[in-house]
Protein backbone atom coordinates (compact mmCIF):
# COMPACT_ATOMS: atom_id res chain seq x y z
CA MET A 1 17.45 24.81 86.29
CA SER A 2 15.17 22.84 84.23
CA ARG A 3 12.02 23.45 85.80
CA ALA A 4 12.20 27.05 84.95
CA LYS A 5 13.25 26.26 80.82
CA ASP A 6 10.27 23.88 81.43
CA LEU A 7 7.85 26.80 82.45
CA SER A 8 9.46 29.13 79.88
CA LYS A 9 8.77 26.64 76.88
CA LYS A 10 5.43 25.99 78.16
CA ASN A 11 4.56 29.85 77.98
CA SER A 12 6.13 30.39 74.67
CA LEU A 13 3.92 27.66 73.38
CA ARG A 14 1.06 29.27 75.03
CA LEU A 15 1.87 32.52 73.58
CA ARG A 16 2.24 30.98 69.93
CA ARG A 17 -1.16 29.59 70.18
CA LYS A 18 -2.31 32.81 71.43
CA ARG A 19 -1.27 34.72 68.60
CA ARG A 20 -2.56 32.03 66.36
CA ILE A 21 -6.07 32.04 67.72
CA ARG A 22 -6.25 35.79 67.65
CA GLY A 23 -5.11 36.29 63.93
CA LYS A 24 -8.37 34.47 63.15
CA ILE A 25 -11.00 35.57 65.58
CA SER A 26 -12.29 39.15 66.21
CA GLY A 27 -15.20 40.70 68.27
CA CYS A 28 -17.77 43.23 67.42
CA ALA A 29 -20.53 45.08 69.21
CA ASP A 30 -23.37 42.20 68.55
CA MET A 31 -20.74 39.21 69.08
CA PRO A 32 -17.79 40.05 70.98
CA ARG A 33 -14.72 38.38 71.90
CA LEU A 34 -14.79 36.42 75.31
CA SER A 35 -11.27 36.67 76.56
CA VAL A 36 -10.50 34.32 79.30
CA PHE A 37 -7.49 34.34 81.38
CA LYS A 38 -6.57 31.78 84.41
CA SER A 39 -3.86 31.91 86.58
CA ASN A 40 -3.39 29.18 89.66
CA LYS A 41 -5.38 30.96 91.77
CA TYR A 42 -7.92 32.96 90.18
CA PHE A 43 -9.98 32.97 86.75
CA TYR A 44 -10.74 36.32 84.48
CA ALA A 45 -13.07 36.47 81.62
CA GLN A 46 -13.91 39.80 79.83
CA ALA A 47 -16.04 40.67 76.48
CA ILE A 48 -14.38 42.98 74.38
CA ASP A 49 -15.68 44.98 71.25
CA ASP A 50 -12.36 44.81 69.08
CA VAL A 51 -13.94 47.50 66.67
CA THR A 52 -13.57 50.16 69.43
CA GLY A 53 -11.26 48.57 71.51
CA ASN A 54 -13.91 48.69 74.78
CA THR A 55 -14.64 46.05 77.38
CA LEU A 56 -18.22 45.46 77.15
CA ALA A 57 -18.72 43.15 80.32
CA ALA A 58 -15.93 41.62 82.55
CA VAL A 59 -16.05 38.98 85.81
CA ASP A 60 -13.35 37.68 87.85
CA SER A 61 -13.42 34.77 90.51
CA ARG A 62 -11.10 36.91 92.68
CA ALA A 63 -13.94 39.55 93.24
CA MET A 64 -16.21 36.29 93.69
CA LYS A 65 -13.86 34.81 96.40
CA LEU A 66 -13.79 32.02 94.35
CA THR A 67 -10.40 29.70 93.47
CA VAL A 68 -9.99 28.21 89.66
CA ASN A 69 -11.65 24.81 89.79
CA LYS A 70 -14.62 23.12 87.29
CA GLU A 71 -16.90 23.44 90.20
CA ASN A 72 -16.60 27.50 90.91
CA MET A 73 -16.55 28.22 86.97
CA ALA A 74 -20.65 27.46 87.00
CA GLN A 75 -20.82 30.39 89.32
CA VAL A 76 -18.54 32.45 87.56
CA ALA A 77 -20.28 31.47 84.04
CA ALA A 78 -23.36 32.50 85.12
CA ALA A 79 -22.40 35.97 86.77
CA MET A 80 -20.62 36.63 83.27
CA ALA A 81 -23.79 35.54 81.36
CA GLU A 82 -26.22 37.76 83.60
CA ASN A 83 -23.82 40.77 82.59
CA LEU A 84 -23.86 39.80 78.99
CA LYS A 85 -27.72 39.59 79.22
CA SER A 86 -28.19 42.99 80.64
CA LYS A 87 -25.77 44.19 77.84
CA LYS A 88 -28.40 42.20 75.26
CA ILE A 89 -25.54 40.17 74.29
CA GLU A 90 -26.47 36.42 73.41
CA THR A 91 -23.74 35.26 71.25
CA ILE A 92 -20.03 35.46 71.81
CA VAL A 93 -16.73 34.40 70.26
CA LEU A 94 -14.49 32.63 72.78
CA ASP A 95 -10.91 33.93 72.86
CA ARG A 96 -9.41 30.81 75.02
CA ASN A 97 -6.15 32.99 75.12
CA GLY A 98 -3.91 30.12 73.88
CA TYR A 99 -4.91 27.81 76.91
CA LEU A 100 -5.99 24.20 75.88
CA TYR A 101 -9.97 23.82 75.55
CA HIS A 102 -10.25 21.31 78.80
CA GLY A 103 -10.59 21.38 82.24
CA VAL A 104 -11.59 24.72 83.44
CA VAL A 105 -11.91 26.55 80.23
CA ALA A 106 -14.10 23.86 78.83
CA ALA A 107 -15.87 23.89 82.26
CA PHE A 108 -16.62 27.77 81.79
CA ALA A 109 -17.66 27.67 78.34
CA SER A 110 -20.20 24.79 78.87
CA ALA A 111 -21.49 26.74 82.13
CA LEU A 112 -22.10 29.71 79.75
CA ARG A 113 -24.15 27.40 77.21
CA ASP A 114 -26.29 26.21 79.95
CA ASN A 115 -26.80 29.82 81.14
CA GLY A 116 -28.35 30.53 77.47
CA ILE A 117 -25.04 32.43 75.78
CA LYS A 118 -24.19 30.74 72.34
CA VAL A 119 -20.43 30.32 72.23
């Protein structure tokens, strides 16, 4: 019983952080919001133009047959950087979606920077 209670508390705190972050950031066509989502197995990222509500580019580790760890984030970030560069996007606003900026999320952001995307 306490495990379910701990997970619901953890999720509610993440959702609270998510709402707080989303109140401060927004994306446009020139500088889209890069929203990330991670599950226990996979990692997803999409660049969103909040003005029109369109997804400009997306990548997921599930289609690439990669699991969630810091080493695989370099490959996922390289694919995302390639998608963004093909759309002539060089600067993004990172929406960490309530996740703490460490581990996989930080590895993804630094790999994007290494691939020439300004985060």
